[in-house]
Protein backbone atom coordinates (compact mmCIF):
# COMPACT_ATOMS: atom_id res chain seq x y z
CA MET A 1 232.65 -67.80 77.11
CA HIS A 2 233.85 -64.85 79.20
CA GLU A 3 237.45 -65.53 78.21
CA MET A 4 236.93 -63.45 75.05
CA GLY A 5 235.99 -60.41 77.14
CA ILE A 6 239.06 -60.95 79.32
CA ALA A 7 241.29 -61.34 76.23
CA LEU A 8 239.93 -58.08 74.79
CA GLU A 9 240.63 -56.26 78.05
CA ILE A 10 244.19 -57.64 78.17
CA ILE A 11 244.72 -56.40 74.61
CA LYS A 12 243.36 -52.97 75.53
CA ILE A 13 245.66 -52.68 78.55
CA ALA A 14 248.73 -53.99 76.70
CA THR A 15 248.13 -51.70 73.71
CA ALA A 16 247.82 -48.70 76.04
CA SER A 17 251.16 -49.64 77.63
CA ILE A 18 253.09 -49.11 74.39
CA PRO A 19 254.84 -45.71 74.65
CA GLU A 20 253.51 -43.18 72.14
CA ASP A 21 257.01 -42.38 70.91
CA ALA A 22 257.84 -46.05 70.25
CA HIS A 23 257.09 -46.31 66.55
CA ASP A 24 256.65 -49.79 65.10
CA ALA A 25 256.67 -51.27 68.60
CA ARG A 26 254.89 -54.50 69.32
CA VAL A 27 254.08 -56.52 72.41
CA ARG A 28 256.22 -59.63 72.51
CA ARG A 29 254.94 -61.29 75.68
CA ILE A 30 252.29 -60.84 78.38
CA ASN A 31 252.71 -62.61 81.71
CA LEU A 32 249.52 -63.30 83.65
CA MET A 33 248.66 -64.75 87.03
CA VAL A 34 245.36 -66.66 86.98
CA GLY A 35 243.96 -68.15 90.16
CA LYS A 36 242.27 -71.54 90.16
CA LEU A 37 239.08 -69.92 91.54
CA SER A 38 238.97 -67.17 88.90
CA ALA A 39 236.75 -69.29 86.61
CA VAL A 40 239.17 -68.71 83.72
CA VAL A 41 240.15 -71.64 81.51
CA PRO A 42 243.77 -70.93 80.47
CA ASP A 43 243.56 -72.74 77.12
CA SER A 44 240.35 -70.90 76.22
CA LEU A 45 241.91 -67.58 77.19
CA ARG A 46 244.96 -68.27 75.00
CA PHE A 47 242.71 -69.24 72.09
CA CYS A 48 240.59 -66.09 72.43
CA PHE A 49 243.68 -63.93 72.85
CA ASP A 50 245.26 -65.27 69.67
CA ILE A 51 242.10 -64.55 67.67
CA ALA A 52 241.48 -61.09 69.15
CA ALA A 53 245.13 -60.00 68.86
CA LYS A 54 245.23 -60.52 65.10
CA ASP A 55 245.99 -57.28 63.23
CA THR A 56 247.03 -55.49 66.44
CA PRO A 57 250.47 -54.71 67.91
CA LEU A 58 249.94 -57.89 69.96
CA ALA A 59 249.68 -60.26 66.99
CA GLY A 60 251.96 -63.21 67.65
CA ALA A 61 252.62 -62.23 71.26
CA ASP A 62 253.05 -65.00 73.80
CA LEU A 63 250.42 -65.12 76.53
CA VAL A 64 252.16 -66.83 79.44
CA ILE A 65 249.80 -67.91 82.20
CA GLU A 66 250.96 -68.83 85.69
CA GLU A 67 248.19 -70.68 87.49
CA VAL A 68 247.91 -69.76 91.16
CA PRO A 69 246.73 -72.50 93.53
CA VAL A 70 244.01 -71.95 96.11
CA GLN A 71 245.53 -71.33 99.52
CA ILE A 72 243.49 -71.14 102.71
CA ARG A 73 244.27 -69.83 106.20
CA CYS A 74 242.36 -71.11 109.21
CA GLN A 75 241.08 -68.25 111.36
CA ALA A 76 241.08 -70.47 114.46
CA CYS A 77 244.59 -71.99 114.42
CA HIS A 78 246.22 -69.93 111.59
CA ALA A 79 247.31 -73.01 109.63
CA VAL A 80 247.86 -72.39 105.91
CA TRP A 81 247.50 -75.02 103.20
CA THR A 82 246.91 -75.47 99.49
CA VAL A 83 243.45 -76.75 98.62
CA MET A 84 243.41 -79.67 96.22
CA GLN A 85 239.73 -80.59 96.62
CA PRO A 86 236.66 -78.39 97.15
CA VAL A 87 236.78 -78.84 100.94
CA PHE A 88 237.22 -75.59 102.84
CA GLN A 89 237.77 -77.01 106.30
CA CYS A 90 240.99 -76.76 108.28
CA GLN A 91 243.12 -79.85 107.89
CA LYS A 92 244.72 -79.22 111.28
CA CYS A 93 241.88 -78.33 113.67
CA GLY A 94 238.73 -79.03 111.62
CA SER A 95 237.39 -75.45 111.78
CA SER A 96 235.35 -74.25 108.83
CA THR A 97 236.15 -70.61 109.59
CA VAL A 98 238.75 -70.03 106.93
CA THR A 99 240.01 -67.23 104.69
CA ILE A 100 241.01 -67.65 101.05
CA ILE A 101 244.45 -66.04 100.70
CA SER A 102 245.16 -66.90 97.04
CA GLY A 103 243.49 -68.44 94.05
CA ARG A 104 241.21 -65.63 92.86
CA GLU A 105 243.89 -63.66 91.00
CA LEU A 106 243.56 -62.41 87.45
CA ASP A 107 246.52 -60.06 87.14
CA ILE A 108 248.86 -58.88 84.43
CA ARG A 109 252.33 -59.36 85.93
CA SER A 110 254.31 -57.82 83.09
CA ILE A 111 254.16 -56.77 79.46
CA GLU A 112 257.27 -57.10 77.28
CA ILE A 113 257.50 -54.64 74.39
CA GLU A 114 260.03 -54.50 71.56
CA GLU A 115 260.60 -52.02 68.77
CA THR A 116 260.67 -53.72 65.39
CA ASN A 117 262.93 -51.14 63.68
CA ALA A 118 266.15 -50.05 65.27
């Protein structure tokens, strides 16, 4: 399960984003974009994240995952569509010369941090 490795990397990045002068700060929420072709199972990633974040400034943080659909652009006619089945052929002209324009993302969109003592 590669989701554990991804969860550990997210924790590393989020922990490094906490300002050094922010004492008793914790990460409240991490917003991710995960493409359908990224081979990441969102529920598995959340599960691994919750386990790995224990006893860190990310313990209890929400991992919010926005799934990005696979979008294709035809190189012949420039049509763009969202792929719902594993068929990478233009729906308009039938060309199989296409470019994947979204669906492979695995990006941290934002990290929300709060200080626990005011």
